[in-house]
Amino acid sequence: LFLSGSMDGTAKLWNSTSGKVVGTLLCGAREEENSSSSVECAIFPRDKSTTYCVTGTLDGIVTVWDTPTQISRHACKVGDGVSKVDVHKDGNLVFASTLDGAVKCLDLRTGNAVMELSGHSAT
């Protein structure tokens, strides 16, 4: 299984053997296809035993998805557009880099923000 993000506000789950789409995740604040919020990043955690994936959108939404059911576990507004997401090696935290120069840290189990780091600027 692999995951891709698109400018139409969706992330697609693909079968890596057949090359066929096996699911479509409606991402962003409006959760609709052809929205104006592109999916800028989409990842599976490094731990292959997990059953979730994470997306980040240009409208600043980080969503944790239950992969088998394709249902959102948590969706969090983290600021300006999300440019990158990554999952901590322990699998309990997700980090989101935003266009406002911050890195937000969310608890994957609750969806709550636990930390914000700032200091980047566009110079």
PDB file of N, CA and C in Angstrom:
ATOM      1  N   LEU A   1       0.850  -1.180   0.000  1.00  0.00           N
ATOM      2  CA  LEU A   1       0.000   0.000   0.000  1.00  0.00           C
ATOM      3  C   LEU A   1       0.890   1.234   0.000  1.00  0.00           C
ATOM      4  N   PHE A   2       0.557   2.204  -0.824  1.00  0.00           N
ATOM      5  CA  PHE A   2       1.234   3.494  -0.724  1.00  0.00           C
ATOM      6  C   PHE A   2       0.205   4.605  -0.829  1.00  0.00           C
ATOM      7  N   LEU A   3       0.634   5.825  -0.536  1.00  0.00           N
ATOM      8  CA  LEU A   3      -0.253   6.964  -0.340  1.00  0.00           C
ATOM      9  C   LEU A   3       0.259   8.145  -1.146  1.00  0.00           C
ATOM     10  N   SER A   4      -0.654   8.865  -1.794  1.00  0.00           N
ATOM     11  CA  SER A   4      -0.270  10.075  -2.522  1.00  0.00           C
ATOM     12  C   SER A   4      -1.269  11.184  -2.225  1.00  0.00           C
ATOM     13  N   GLY A   5      -0.784  12.422  -2.242  1.00  0.00           N
ATOM     14  CA  GLY A   5      -1.641  13.586  -2.038  1.00  0.00           C
ATOM     15  C   GLY A   5      -1.845  14.321  -3.343  1.00  0.00           C
ATOM     16  N   SER A   6      -2.943  15.075  -3.439  1.00  0.00           N
ATOM     17  CA  SER A   6      -3.274  15.735  -4.693  1.00  0.00           C
ATOM     18  C   SER A   6      -3.747  17.168  -4.467  1.00  0.00           C
ATOM     19  N   MET A   7      -3.693  17.952  -5.535  1.00  0.00           N
ATOM     20  CA  MET A   7      -4.181  19.327  -5.487  1.00  0.00           C
ATOM     21  C   MET A   7      -5.701  19.401  -5.382  1.00  0.00           C
ATOM     22  N   ASP A   8      -6.406  18.292  -5.620  1.00  0.00           N
ATOM     23  CA  ASP A   8      -7.869  18.323  -5.565  1.00  0.00           C
ATOM     24  C   ASP A   8      -8.428  18.092  -4.157  1.00  0.00           C
ATOM     25  N   GLY A   9      -7.543  18.061  -3.131  1.00  0.00           N
ATOM     26  CA  GLY A   9      -7.990  17.896  -1.757  1.00  0.00           C
ATOM     27  C   GLY A   9      -8.158  16.458  -1.328  1.00  0.00           C
ATOM     28  N   THR A  10      -7.640  15.528  -2.113  1.00  0.00           N
ATOM     29  CA  THR A  10      -7.746  14.112  -1.750  1.00  0.00           C
ATOM     30  C   THR A  10      -6.363  13.491  -1.577  1.00  0.00           C
ATOM     31  N   ALA A  11      -6.350  12.399  -0.833  1.00  0.00           N
ATOM     32  CA  ALA A  11      -5.186  11.520  -0.784  1.00  0.00           C
ATOM     33  C   ALA A  11      -5.683  10.163  -1.248  1.00  0.00           C
ATOM     34  N   LYS A  12      -4.896   9.497  -2.048  1.00  0.00           N
ATOM     35  CA  LYS A  12      -5.278   8.195  -2.593  1.00  0.00           C
ATOM     36  C   LYS A  12      -4.437   7.102  -1.952  1.00  0.00           C
ATOM     37  N   LEU A  13      -5.111   6.014  -1.608  1.00  0.00           N
ATOM     38  CA  LEU A  13      -4.456   4.787  -1.162  1.00  0.00           C
ATOM     39  C   LEU A  13      -4.353   3.872  -2.369  1.00  0.00           C
ATOM     40  N   TRP A  14      -3.146   3.398  -2.646  1.00  0.00           N
ATOM     41  CA  TRP A  14      -2.880   2.590  -3.839  1.00  0.00           C
ATOM     42  C   TRP A  14      -2.397   1.205  -3.448  1.00  0.00           C
ATOM     43  N   ASN A  15      -2.812   0.206  -4.178  1.00  0.00           N
ATOM     44  CA  ASN A  15      -2.268  -1.136  -4.051  1.00  0.00           C
ATOM     45  C   ASN A  15      -0.965  -1.148  -4.835  1.00  0.00           C
ATOM     46  N   SER A  16       0.134  -1.397  -4.141  1.00  0.00           N
ATOM     47  CA  SER A  16       1.437  -1.307  -4.805  1.00  0.00           C
ATOM     48  C   SER A  16       1.699  -2.469  -5.766  1.00  0.00           C
ATOM     49  N   THR A  17       0.936  -3.539  -5.668  1.00  0.00           N
ATOM     50  CA  THR A  17       1.101  -4.661  -6.594  1.00  0.00           C
ATOM     51  C   THR A  17       0.308  -4.445  -7.874  1.00  0.00           C
ATOM     52  N   SER A  18      -0.962  -4.068  -7.727  1.00  0.00           N
ATOM     53  CA  SER A  18      -1.822  -3.915  -8.904  1.00  0.00           C
ATOM     54  C   SER A  18      -1.764  -2.514  -9.511  1.00  0.00           C
ATOM     55  N   GLY A  19      -1.349  -1.514  -8.705  1.00  0.00           N
ATOM     56  CA  GLY A  19      -1.344  -0.139  -9.187  1.00  0.00           C
ATOM     57  C   GLY A  19      -2.724   0.499  -9.193  1.00  0.00           C
ATOM     58  N   LYS A  20      -3.685  -0.141  -8.546  1.00  0.00           N
ATOM     59  CA  LYS A  20      -5.061   0.382  -8.522  1.00  0.00           C
ATOM     60  C   LYS A  20      -5.327   1.162  -7.247  1.00  0.00           C
ATOM     61  N   VAL A  21      -6.162   2.190  -7.371  1.00  0.00           N
ATOM     62  CA  VAL A  21      -6.605   2.957  -6.210  1.00  0.00           C
ATOM     63  C   VAL A  21      -7.556   2.086  -5.396  1.00  0.00           C
ATOM     64  N   VAL A  22      -7.273   1.965  -4.099  1.00  0.00           N
ATOM     65  CA  VAL A  22      -8.134   1.161  -3.228  1.00  0.00           C
ATOM     66  C   VAL A  22      -8.886   2.025  -2.216  1.00  0.00           C
ATOM     67  N   GLY A  23      -8.616   3.333  -2.221  1.00  0.00           N
ATOM     68  CA  GLY A  23      -9.328   4.229  -1.320  1.00  0.00           C
ATOM     69  C   GLY A  23      -9.016   5.679  -1.613  1.00  0.00           C
ATOM     70  N   THR A  24      -9.953   6.544  -1.255  1.00  0.00           N
ATOM     71  CA  THR A  24      -9.785   7.985  -1.411  1.00  0.00           C
ATOM     72  C   THR A  24     -10.134   8.658  -0.092  1.00  0.00           C
ATOM     73  N   LEU A  25      -9.198   9.457   0.429  1.00  0.00           N
ATOM     74  CA  LEU A  25      -9.403  10.191   1.664  1.00  0.00           C
ATOM     75  C   LEU A  25      -9.719  11.638   1.313  1.00  0.00           C
ATOM     76  N   LEU A  26     -10.828  12.166   1.832  1.00  0.00           N
ATOM     77  CA  LEU A  26     -11.216  13.551   1.586  1.00  0.00           C
ATOM     78  C   LEU A  26     -10.607  14.407   2.686  1.00  0.00           C
ATOM     79  N   CYS A  27      -9.610  15.210   2.316  1.00  0.00           N
ATOM     80  CA  CYS A  27      -8.792  15.918   3.291  1.00  0.00           C
ATOM     81  C   CYS A  27      -9.152  17.399   3.381  1.00  0.00           C
ATOM     82  N   GLY A  28      -8.625  18.056   4.402  1.00  0.00           N
ATOM     83  CA  GLY A  28      -8.802  19.487   4.570  1.00  0.00           C
ATOM     84  C   GLY A  28     -10.050  19.841   5.336  1.00  0.00           C
ATOM     85  N   ALA A  29     -10.263  21.134   5.498  1.00  0.00           N
ATOM     86  CA  ALA A  29     -11.360  21.634   6.318  1.00  0.00           C
ATOM     87  C   ALA A  29     -12.726  21.279   5.747  1.00  0.00           C
ATOM     88  N   ARG A  30     -12.850  21.243   4.432  1.00  0.00           N
ATOM     89  CA  ARG A  30     -14.165  21.010   3.819  1.00  0.00           C
ATOM     90  C   ARG A  30     -14.444  19.534   3.559  1.00  0.00           C
ATOM     91  N   GLU A  31     -13.423  18.697   3.611  1.00  0.00           N
ATOM     92  CA  GLU A  31     -13.551  17.259   3.381  1.00  0.00           C
ATOM     93  C   GLU A  31     -14.427  16.929   2.181  1.00  0.00           C
ATOM     94  N   GLU A  32     -14.024  17.495   1.033  1.00  0.00           N
ATOM     95  CA  GLU A  32     -14.745  17.204  -0.207  1.00  0.00           C
ATOM     96  C   GLU A  32     -13.756  17.149  -1.360  1.00  0.00           C
ATOM     97  N   GLU A  33     -14.077  16.344  -2.338  1.00  0.00           N
ATOM     98  CA  GLU A  33     -13.235  16.238  -3.518  1.00  0.00           C
ATOM     99  C   GLU A  33     -13.315  17.543  -4.299  1.00  0.00           C
ATOM    100  N   ASN A  34     -12.239  17.883  -4.973  1.00  0.00           N
ATOM    101  CA  ASN A  34     -12.105  19.122  -5.752  1.00  0.00           C
ATOM    102  C   ASN A  34     -12.189  20.361  -4.875  1.00  0.00           C
ATOM    103  N   SER A  35     -11.746  20.253  -3.619  1.00  0.00           N
ATOM    104  CA  SER A  35     -11.698  21.430  -2.751  1.00  0.00           C
ATOM    105  C   SER A  35     -10.475  22.258  -3.142  1.00  0.00           C
ATOM    106  N   SER A  36     -10.383  23.440  -2.605  1.00  0.00           N
ATOM    107  CA  SER A  36      -9.254  24.310  -2.920  1.00  0.00           C
ATOM    108  C   SER A  36      -8.056  24.035  -2.016  1.00  0.00           C
ATOM    109  N   SER A  37      -8.161  23.052  -1.157  1.00  0.00           N
ATOM    110  CA  SER A  37      -7.090  22.746  -0.217  1.00  0.00           C
ATOM    111  C   SER A  37      -6.297  21.533  -0.678  1.00  0.00           C
ATOM    112  N   SER A  38      -5.146  21.773  -1.253  1.00  0.00           N
ATOM    113  CA  SER A  38      -4.351  20.654  -1.751  1.00  0.00           C
ATOM    114  C   SER A  38      -3.702  19.887  -0.596  1.00  0.00           C
ATOM    115  N   VAL A  39      -3.493  18.609  -0.823  1.00  0.00           N
ATOM    116  CA  VAL A  39      -2.806  17.763   0.143  1.00  0.00           C
ATOM    117  C   VAL A  39      -1.309  17.890  -0.147  1.00  0.00           C
ATOM    118  N   GLU A  40      -0.601  18.537   0.755  1.00  0.00           N
ATOM    119  CA  GLU A  40       0.819  18.826   0.555  1.00  0.00           C
ATOM    120  C   GLU A  40       1.725  17.704   1.024  1.00  0.00           C
ATOM    121  N   CYS A  41       1.244  16.878   1.944  1.00  0.00           N
ATOM    122  CA  CYS A  41       2.052  15.768   2.445  1.00  0.00           C
ATOM    123  C   CYS A  41       1.143  14.648   2.932  1.00  0.00           C
ATOM    124  N   ALA A  42       1.610  13.424   2.740  1.00  0.00           N
ATOM    125  CA  ALA A  42       0.838  12.248   3.115  1.00  0.00           C
ATOM    126  C   ALA A  42       1.827  11.130   3.423  1.00  0.00           C
ATOM    127  N   ILE A  43       1.719  10.548   4.621  1.00  0.00           N
ATOM    128  CA  ILE A  43       2.701   9.532   5.015  1.00  0.00           C
ATOM    129  C   ILE A  43       2.065   8.371   5.778  1.00  0.00           C
ATOM    130  N   PHE A  44       2.754   7.244   5.703  1.00  0.00           N
ATOM    131  CA  PHE A  44       2.547   6.131   6.620  1.00  0.00           C
ATOM    132  C   PHE A  44       3.694   6.200   7.624  1.00  0.00           C
ATOM    133  N   PRO A  45       3.453   5.853   8.879  1.00  0.00           N
ATOM    134  CA  PRO A  45       4.561   5.791   9.844  1.00  0.00           C
ATOM    135  C   PRO A  45       5.581   4.730   9.447  1.00  0.00           C
ATOM    136  N   ARG A  46       6.787   4.844   9.986  1.00  0.00           N
ATOM    137  CA  ARG A  46       7.841   3.871   9.699  1.00  0.00           C
ATOM    138  C   ARG A  46       7.482   2.475  10.219  1.00  0.00           C
ATOM    139  N   ASP A  47       6.755   2.424  11.337  1.00  0.00           N
ATOM    140  CA  ASP A  47       6.348   1.150  11.929  1.00  0.00           C
ATOM    141  C   ASP A  47       5.262   0.524  11.059  1.00  0.00           C
ATOM    142  N   LYS A  48       5.608  -0.536  10.371  1.00  0.00           N
ATOM    143  CA  LYS A  48       4.686  -1.161   9.410  1.00  0.00           C
ATOM    144  C   LYS A  48       3.512  -1.864  10.072  1.00  0.00           C
ATOM    145  N   SER A  49       3.536  -2.030  11.404  1.00  0.00           N
ATOM    146  CA  SER A  49       2.424  -2.685  12.087  1.00  0.00           C
ATOM    147  C   SER A  49       1.275  -1.721  12.395  1.00  0.00           C
ATOM    148  N   THR A  50       1.476  -0.433  12.152  1.00  0.00           N
ATOM    149  CA  THR A  50       0.427   0.552  12.431  1.00  0.00           C
ATOM    150  C   THR A  50      -0.686   0.471  11.393  1.00  0.00           C
ATOM    151  N   THR A  51      -1.852   0.952  11.771  1.00  0.00           N
ATOM    152  CA  THR A  51      -3.009   0.920  10.865  1.00  0.00           C
ATOM    153  C   THR A  51      -3.534   2.328  10.597  1.00  0.00           C
ATOM    154  N   TYR A  52      -2.637   3.299  10.561  1.00  0.00           N
ATOM    155  CA  TYR A  52      -3.061   4.669  10.278  1.00  0.00           C
ATOM    156  C   TYR A  52      -2.086   5.346   9.325  1.00  0.00           C
ATOM    157  N   CYS A  53      -2.549   6.453   8.760  1.00  0.00           N
ATOM    158  CA  CYS A  53      -1.703   7.315   7.947  1.00  0.00           C
ATOM    159  C   CYS A  53      -2.025   8.751   8.330  1.00  0.00           C
ATOM    160  N   VAL A  54      -1.206   9.694   7.862  1.00  0.00           N
ATOM    161  CA  VAL A  54      -1.358  11.102   8.226  1.00  0.00           C
ATOM    162  C   VAL A  54      -1.275  11.954   6.970  1.00  0.00           C
ATOM    163  N   THR A  55      -2.168  12.956   6.875  1.00  0.00           N
ATOM    164  CA  THR A  55      -2.117  13.915   5.768  1.00  0.00           C
ATOM    165  C   THR A  55      -2.017  15.337   6.321  1.00  0.00           C
ATOM    166  N   GLY A  56      -1.445  16.232   5.514  1.00  0.00           N
ATOM    167  CA  GLY A  56      -1.371  17.653   5.840  1.00  0.00           C
ATOM    168  C   GLY A  56      -1.788  18.462   4.625  1.00  0.00           C
ATOM    169  N   THR A  57      -2.598  19.508   4.839  1.00  0.00           N
ATOM    170  CA  THR A  57      -3.154  20.266   3.718  1.00  0.00           C
ATOM    171  C   THR A  57      -2.745  21.731   3.730  1.00  0.00           C
ATOM    172  N   LEU A  58      -2.938  22.352   2.594  1.00  0.00           N
ATOM    173  CA  LEU A  58      -2.596  23.758   2.433  1.00  0.00           C
ATOM    174  C   LEU A  58      -3.452  24.667   3.315  1.00  0.00           C
ATOM    175  N   ASP A  59      -4.629  24.216   3.736  1.00  0.00           N
ATOM    176  CA  ASP A  59      -5.434  25.041   4.648  1.00  0.00           C
ATOM    177  C   ASP A  59      -5.099  24.776   6.118  1.00  0.00           C
ATOM    178  N   GLY A  60      -4.003  24.041   6.377  1.00  0.00           N
ATOM    179  CA  GLY A  60      -3.487  23.898   7.733  1.00  0.00           C
ATOM    180  C   GLY A  60      -4.095  22.784   8.557  1.00  0.00           C
ATOM    181  N   ILE A  61      -4.670  21.777   7.909  1.00  0.00           N
ATOM    182  CA  ILE A  61      -5.297  20.674   8.622  1.00  0.00           C
ATOM    183  C   ILE A  61      -4.397  19.441   8.585  1.00  0.00           C
ATOM    184  N   VAL A  62      -4.107  18.889   9.761  1.00  0.00           N
ATOM    185  CA  VAL A  62      -3.427  17.597   9.877  1.00  0.00           C
ATOM    186  C   VAL A  62      -4.496  16.587  10.258  1.00  0.00           C
ATOM    187  N   THR A  63      -4.580  15.504   9.487  1.00  0.00           N
ATOM    188  CA  THR A  63      -5.570  14.471   9.764  1.00  0.00           C
ATOM    189  C   THR A  63      -4.875  13.133   9.942  1.00  0.00           C
ATOM    190  N   VAL A  64      -5.278  12.430  10.997  1.00  0.00           N
ATOM    191  CA  VAL A  64      -4.829  11.067  11.243  1.00  0.00           C
ATOM    192  C   VAL A  64      -5.974  10.160  10.797  1.00  0.00           C
ATOM    193  N   TRP A  65      -5.679   9.250   9.873  1.00  0.00           N
ATOM    194  CA  TRP A  65      -6.686   8.383   9.262  1.00  0.00           C
ATOM    195  C   TRP A  65      -6.516   6.940   9.716  1.00  0.00           C
ATOM    196  N   ASP A  66      -7.603   6.270   9.985  1.00  0.00           N
ATOM    197  CA  ASP A  66      -7.601   4.834  10.178  1.00  0.00           C
ATOM    198  C   ASP A  66      -7.568   4.228   8.774  1.00  0.00           C
ATOM    199  N   THR A  67      -6.472   3.588   8.420  1.00  0.00           N
ATOM    200  CA  THR A  67      -6.303   3.118   7.042  1.00  0.00           C
ATOM    201  C   THR A  67      -7.323   2.058   6.629  1.00  0.00           C
ATOM    202  N   PRO A  68      -7.573   1.025   7.431  1.00  0.00           N
ATOM    203  CA  PRO A  68      -8.529   0.000   6.983  1.00  0.00           C
ATOM    204  C   PRO A  68      -9.941   0.536   6.717  1.00  0.00           C
ATOM    205  N   THR A  69     -10.411   1.454   7.566  1.00  0.00           N
ATOM    206  CA  THR A  69     -11.783   1.967   7.405  1.00  0.00           C
ATOM    207  C   THR A  69     -11.833   3.255   6.592  1.00  0.00           C
ATOM    208  N   GLN A  70     -10.673   3.908   6.418  1.00  0.00           N
ATOM    209  CA  GLN A  70     -10.563   5.191   5.716  1.00  0.00           C
ATOM    210  C   GLN A  70     -11.392   6.281   6.395  1.00  0.00           C
ATOM    211  N   ILE A  71     -11.461   6.217   7.715  1.00  0.00           N
ATOM    212  CA  ILE A  71     -12.193   7.198   8.524  1.00  0.00           C
ATOM    213  C   ILE A  71     -11.185   8.030   9.312  1.00  0.00           C
ATOM    214  N   SER A  72     -11.473   9.326   9.420  1.00  0.00           N
ATOM    215  CA  SER A  72     -10.610  10.238  10.164  1.00  0.00           C
ATOM    216  C   SER A  72     -10.680   9.929  11.662  1.00  0.00           C
ATOM    217  N   ARG A  73      -9.510   9.713  12.280  1.00  0.00           N
ATOM    218  CA  ARG A  73      -9.435   9.563  13.744  1.00  0.00           C
ATOM    219  C   ARG A  73      -9.416  10.923  14.403  1.00  0.00           C
ATOM    220  N   HIS A  74      -8.594  11.828  13.846  1.00  0.00           N
ATOM    221  CA  HIS A  74      -8.445  13.187  14.372  1.00  0.00           C
ATOM    222  C   HIS A  74      -8.139  14.118  13.208  1.00  0.00           C
ATOM    223  N   ALA A  75      -8.695  15.317  13.256  1.00  0.00           N
ATOM    224  CA  ALA A  75      -8.343  16.373  12.306  1.00  0.00           C
ATOM    225  C   ALA A  75      -8.098  17.634  13.121  1.00  0.00           C
ATOM    226  N   CYS A  76      -6.917  18.221  12.947  1.00  0.00           N
ATOM    227  CA  CYS A  76      -6.517  19.358  13.762  1.00  0.00           C
ATOM    228  C   CYS A  76      -6.056  20.516  12.887  1.00  0.00           C
ATOM    229  N   LYS A  77      -6.559  21.697  13.167  1.00  0.00           N
ATOM    230  CA  LYS A  77      -6.074  22.912  12.519  1.00  0.00           C
ATOM    231  C   LYS A  77      -4.801  23.322  13.240  1.00  0.00           C
ATOM    232  N   VAL A  78      -3.693  23.397  12.519  1.00  0.00           N
ATOM    233  CA  VAL A  78      -2.412  23.687  13.160  1.00  0.00           C
ATOM    234  C   VAL A  78      -1.815  25.037  12.756  1.00  0.00           C
ATOM    235  N   GLY A  79      -2.515  25.839  11.999  1.00  0.00           N
ATOM    236  CA  GLY A  79      -1.997  27.141  11.583  1.00  0.00           C
ATOM    237  C   GLY A  79      -2.080  27.279  10.083  1.00  0.00           C
ATOM    238  N   ASP A  80      -1.108  28.016   9.544  1.00  0.00           N
ATOM    239  CA  ASP A  80      -1.047  28.170   8.092  1.00  0.00           C
ATOM    240  C   ASP A  80      -0.758  26.824   7.449  1.00  0.00           C
ATOM    241  N   GLY A  81      -0.694  26.787   6.145  1.00  0.00           N
ATOM    242  CA  GLY A  81      -0.531  25.548   5.396  1.00  0.00           C
ATOM    243  C   GLY A  81       0.518  24.603   5.945  1.00  0.00           C
ATOM    244  N   VAL A  82       0.225  23.330   5.892  1.00  0.00           N
ATOM    245  CA  VAL A  82       1.151  22.292   6.347  1.00  0.00           C
ATOM    246  C   VAL A  82       2.041  21.903   5.175  1.00  0.00           C
ATOM    247  N   SER A  83       3.353  21.974   5.385  1.00  0.00           N
ATOM    248  CA  SER A  83       4.281  21.646   4.307  1.00  0.00           C
ATOM    249  C   SER A  83       4.905  20.264   4.475  1.00  0.00           C
ATOM    250  N   LYS A  84       4.921  19.725   5.702  1.00  0.00           N
ATOM    251  CA  LYS A  84       5.506  18.403   5.947  1.00  0.00           C
ATOM    252  C   LYS A  84       4.937  17.849   7.239  1.00  0.00           C
ATOM    253  N   VAL A  85       4.734  16.537   7.250  1.00  0.00           N
ATOM    254  CA  VAL A  85       4.381  15.835   8.478  1.00  0.00           C
ATOM    255  C   VAL A  85       5.325  14.653   8.663  1.00  0.00           C
ATOM    256  N   ASP A  86       5.562  14.302   9.924  1.00  0.00           N
ATOM    257  CA  ASP A  86       6.366  13.130  10.232  1.00  0.00           C
ATOM    258  C   ASP A  86       5.874  12.561  11.550  1.00  0.00           C
ATOM    259  N   VAL A  87       6.014  11.254  11.699  1.00  0.00           N
ATOM    260  CA  VAL A  87       5.596  10.578  12.915  1.00  0.00           C
ATOM    261  C   VAL A  87       6.842  10.204  13.713  1.00  0.00           C
ATOM    262  N   HIS A  88       6.820  10.511  15.009  1.00  0.00           N
ATOM    263  CA  HIS A  88       7.926  10.159  15.897  1.00  0.00           C
ATOM    264  C   HIS A  88       8.106   8.642  15.906  1.00  0.00           C
ATOM    265  N   LYS A  89       9.321   8.194  16.138  1.00  0.00           N
ATOM    266  CA  LYS A  89       9.619   6.759  16.092  1.00  0.00           C
ATOM    267  C   LYS A  89       8.824   5.948  17.099  1.00  0.00           C
ATOM    268  N   ASP A  90       8.342   6.574  18.197  1.00  0.00           N
ATOM    269  CA  ASP A  90       7.534   5.819  19.158  1.00  0.00           C
ATOM    270  C   ASP A  90       6.083   5.664  18.699  1.00  0.00           C
ATOM    271  N   GLY A  91       5.722   6.359  17.615  1.00  0.00           N
ATOM    272  CA  GLY A  91       4.390   6.222  17.041  1.00  0.00           C
ATOM    273  C   GLY A  91       3.300   6.983  17.754  1.00  0.00           C
ATOM    274  N   ASN A  92       3.637   7.779  18.766  1.00  0.00           N
ATOM    275  CA  ASN A  92       2.612   8.479  19.533  1.00  0.00           C
ATOM    276  C   ASN A  92       2.476   9.960  19.206  1.00  0.00           C
ATOM    277  N   LEU A  93       3.430  10.510  18.471  1.00  0.00           N
ATOM    278  CA  LEU A  93       3.422  11.944  18.165  1.00  0.00           C
ATOM    279  C   LEU A  93       3.566  12.168  16.670  1.00  0.00           C
ATOM    280  N   VAL A  94       2.896  13.205  16.185  1.00  0.00           N
ATOM    281  CA  VAL A  94       3.091  13.632  14.800  1.00  0.00           C
ATOM    282  C   VAL A  94       3.573  15.080  14.832  1.00  0.00           C
ATOM    283  N   PHE A  95       4.545  15.391  13.987  1.00  0.00           N
ATOM    284  CA  PHE A  95       5.086  16.737  13.865  1.00  0.00           C
ATOM    285  C   PHE A  95       4.633  17.309  12.530  1.00  0.00           C
ATOM    286  N   ALA A  96       4.185  18.561  12.551  1.00  0.00           N
ATOM    287  CA  ALA A  96       3.725  19.224  11.340  1.00  0.00           C
ATOM    288  C   ALA A  96       4.452  20.555  11.177  1.00  0.00           C
ATOM    289  N   SER A  97       5.151  20.716  10.055  1.00  0.00           N
ATOM    290  CA  SER A  97       5.786  21.992   9.717  1.00  0.00           C
ATOM    291  C   SER A  97       4.765  22.829   8.974  1.00  0.00           C
ATOM    292  N   THR A  98       4.661  24.099   9.360  1.00  0.00           N
ATOM    293  CA  THR A  98       3.653  24.977   8.753  1.00  0.00           C
ATOM    294  C   THR A  98       4.307  26.155   8.043  1.00  0.00           C
ATOM    295  N   LEU A  99       3.551  26.763   7.152  1.00  0.00           N
ATOM    296  CA  LEU A  99       4.075  27.875   6.362  1.00  0.00           C
ATOM    297  C   LEU A  99       4.307  29.133   7.184  1.00  0.00           C
ATOM    298  N   ASP A 100       3.786  29.168   8.418  1.00  0.00           N
ATOM    299  CA  ASP A 100       4.046  30.318   9.287  1.00  0.00           C
ATOM    300  C   ASP A 100       5.345  30.155  10.083  1.00  0.00           C
ATOM    301  N   GLY A 101       6.141  29.111   9.759  1.00  0.00           N
ATOM    302  CA  GLY A 101       7.448  28.929  10.363  1.00  0.00           C
ATOM    303  C   GLY A 101       7.456  28.131  11.646  1.00  0.00           C
ATOM    304  N   ALA A 102       6.359  27.525  12.008  1.00  0.00           N
ATOM    305  CA  ALA A 102       6.284  26.764  13.252  1.00  0.00           C
ATOM    306  C   ALA A 102       6.280  25.263  12.974  1.00  0.00           C
ATOM    307  N   VAL A 103       6.605  24.513  14.001  1.00  0.00           N
ATOM    308  CA  VAL A 103       6.459  23.060  13.988  1.00  0.00           C
ATOM    309  C   VAL A 103       5.507  22.729  15.133  1.00  0.00           C
ATOM    310  N   LYS A 104       4.403  22.099  14.811  1.00  0.00           N
ATOM    311  CA  LYS A 104       3.411  21.727  15.819  1.00  0.00           C
ATOM    312  C   LYS A 104       3.556  20.242  16.092  1.00  0.00           C
ATOM    313  N   CYS A 105       3.416  19.868  17.344  1.00  0.00           N
ATOM    314  CA  CYS A 105       3.488  18.473  17.752  1.00  0.00           C
ATOM    315  C   CYS A 105       2.130  18.071  18.311  1.00  0.00           C
ATOM    316  N   LEU A 106       1.566  16.989  17.769  1.00  0.00           N
ATOM    317  CA  LEU A 106       0.243  16.509  18.181  1.00  0.00           C
ATOM    318  C   LEU A 106       0.353  15.098  18.740  1.00  0.00           C
ATOM    319  N   ASP A 107      -0.467  14.816  19.744  1.00  0.00           N
ATOM    320  CA  ASP A 107      -0.574  13.465  20.287  1.00  0.00           C
ATOM    321  C   ASP A 107      -1.485  12.673  19.360  1.00  0.00           C
ATOM    322  N   LEU A 108      -0.985  11.592  18.789  1.00  0.00           N
ATOM    323  CA  LEU A 108      -1.767  10.809  17.831  1.00  0.00           C
ATOM    324  C   LEU A 108      -2.962  10.115  18.467  1.00  0.00           C
ATOM    325  N   ARG A 109      -2.884   9.826  19.750  1.00  0.00           N
ATOM    326  CA  ARG A 109      -3.978   9.114  20.417  1.00  0.00           C
ATOM    327  C   ARG A 109      -5.168  10.018  20.681  1.00  0.00           C
ATOM    328  N   THR A 110      -4.896  11.313  20.956  1.00  0.00           N
ATOM    329  CA  THR A 110      -5.979  12.229  21.320  1.00  0.00           C
ATOM    330  C   THR A 110      -6.246  13.306  20.273  1.00  0.00           C
ATOM    331  N   GLY A 111      -5.255  13.597  19.447  1.00  0.00           N
ATOM    332  CA  GLY A 111      -5.374  14.683  18.492  1.00  0.00           C
ATOM    333  C   GLY A 111      -5.048  16.047  19.087  1.00  0.00           C
ATOM    334  N   ASN A 112      -4.664  16.080  20.355  1.00  0.00           N
ATOM    335  CA  ASN A 112      -4.373  17.345  21.031  1.00  0.00           C
ATOM    336  C   ASN A 112      -2.958  17.823  20.736  1.00  0.00           C
ATOM    337  N   ALA A 113      -2.804  19.153  20.647  1.00  0.00           N
ATOM    338  CA  ALA A 113      -1.483  19.747  20.499  1.00  0.00           C
ATOM    339  C   ALA A 113      -0.737  19.608  21.820  1.00  0.00           C
ATOM    340  N   VAL A 114       0.534  19.209  21.749  1.00  0.00           N
ATOM    341  CA  VAL A 114       1.319  19.065  22.971  1.00  0.00           C
ATOM    342  C   VAL A 114       2.526  20.003  23.000  1.00  0.00           C
ATOM    343  N   MET A 115       2.883  20.568  21.856  1.00  0.00           N
ATOM    344  CA  MET A 115       4.050  21.444  21.815  1.00  0.00           C
ATOM    345  C   MET A 115       4.035  22.246  20.514  1.00  0.00           C
ATOM    346  N   GLU A 116       4.616  23.443  20.587  1.00  0.00           N
ATOM    347  CA  GLU A 116       4.838  24.251  19.383  1.00  0.00           C
ATOM    348  C   GLU A 116       6.239  24.796  19.420  1.00  0.00           C
ATOM    349  N   LEU A 117       6.950  24.627  18.331  1.00  0.00           N
ATOM    350  CA  LEU A 117       8.312  25.141  18.190  1.00  0.00           C
ATOM    351  C   LEU A 117       8.284  26.223  17.136  1.00  0.00           C
ATOM    352  N   SER A 118       8.972  27.330  17.398  1.00  0.00           N
ATOM    353  CA  SER A 118       9.018  28.402  16.396  1.00  0.00           C
ATOM    354  C   SER A 118      10.452  28.854  16.234  1.00  0.00           C
ATOM    355  N   GLY A 119      10.682  29.630  15.211  1.00  0.00           N
ATOM    356  CA  GLY A 119      12.024  30.132  15.002  1.00  0.00           C
ATOM    357  C   GLY A 119      12.413  30.208  13.547  1.00  0.00           C
ATOM    358  N   HIS A 120      11.727  29.486  12.675  1.00  0.00           N
ATOM    359  CA  HIS A 120      12.017  29.590  11.251  1.00  0.00           C
ATOM    360  C   HIS A 120      11.414  30.864  10.695  1.00  0.00           C
ATOM    361  N   SER A 121      12.098  31.459   9.754  1.00  0.00           N
ATOM    362  CA  SER A 121      11.535  32.627   9.074  1.00  0.00           C
ATOM    363  C   SER A 121      11.940  32.572   7.613  1.00  0.00           C
ATOM    364  N   ALA A 122      11.194  33.259   6.809  1.00  0.00           N
ATOM    365  CA  ALA A 122      11.450  33.281   5.361  1.00  0.00           C
ATOM    366  C   ALA A 122      12.444  34.399   5.046  1.00  0.00           C
ATOM    367  N   THR A 123      13.721  34.139   5.255  1.00  0.00           N
ATOM    368  CA  THR A 123      14.744  35.147   4.960  1.00  0.00           C
ATOM    369  C   THR A 123      15.641  34.685   3.845  1.00  0.00           C
TER     370      THR A 123
END
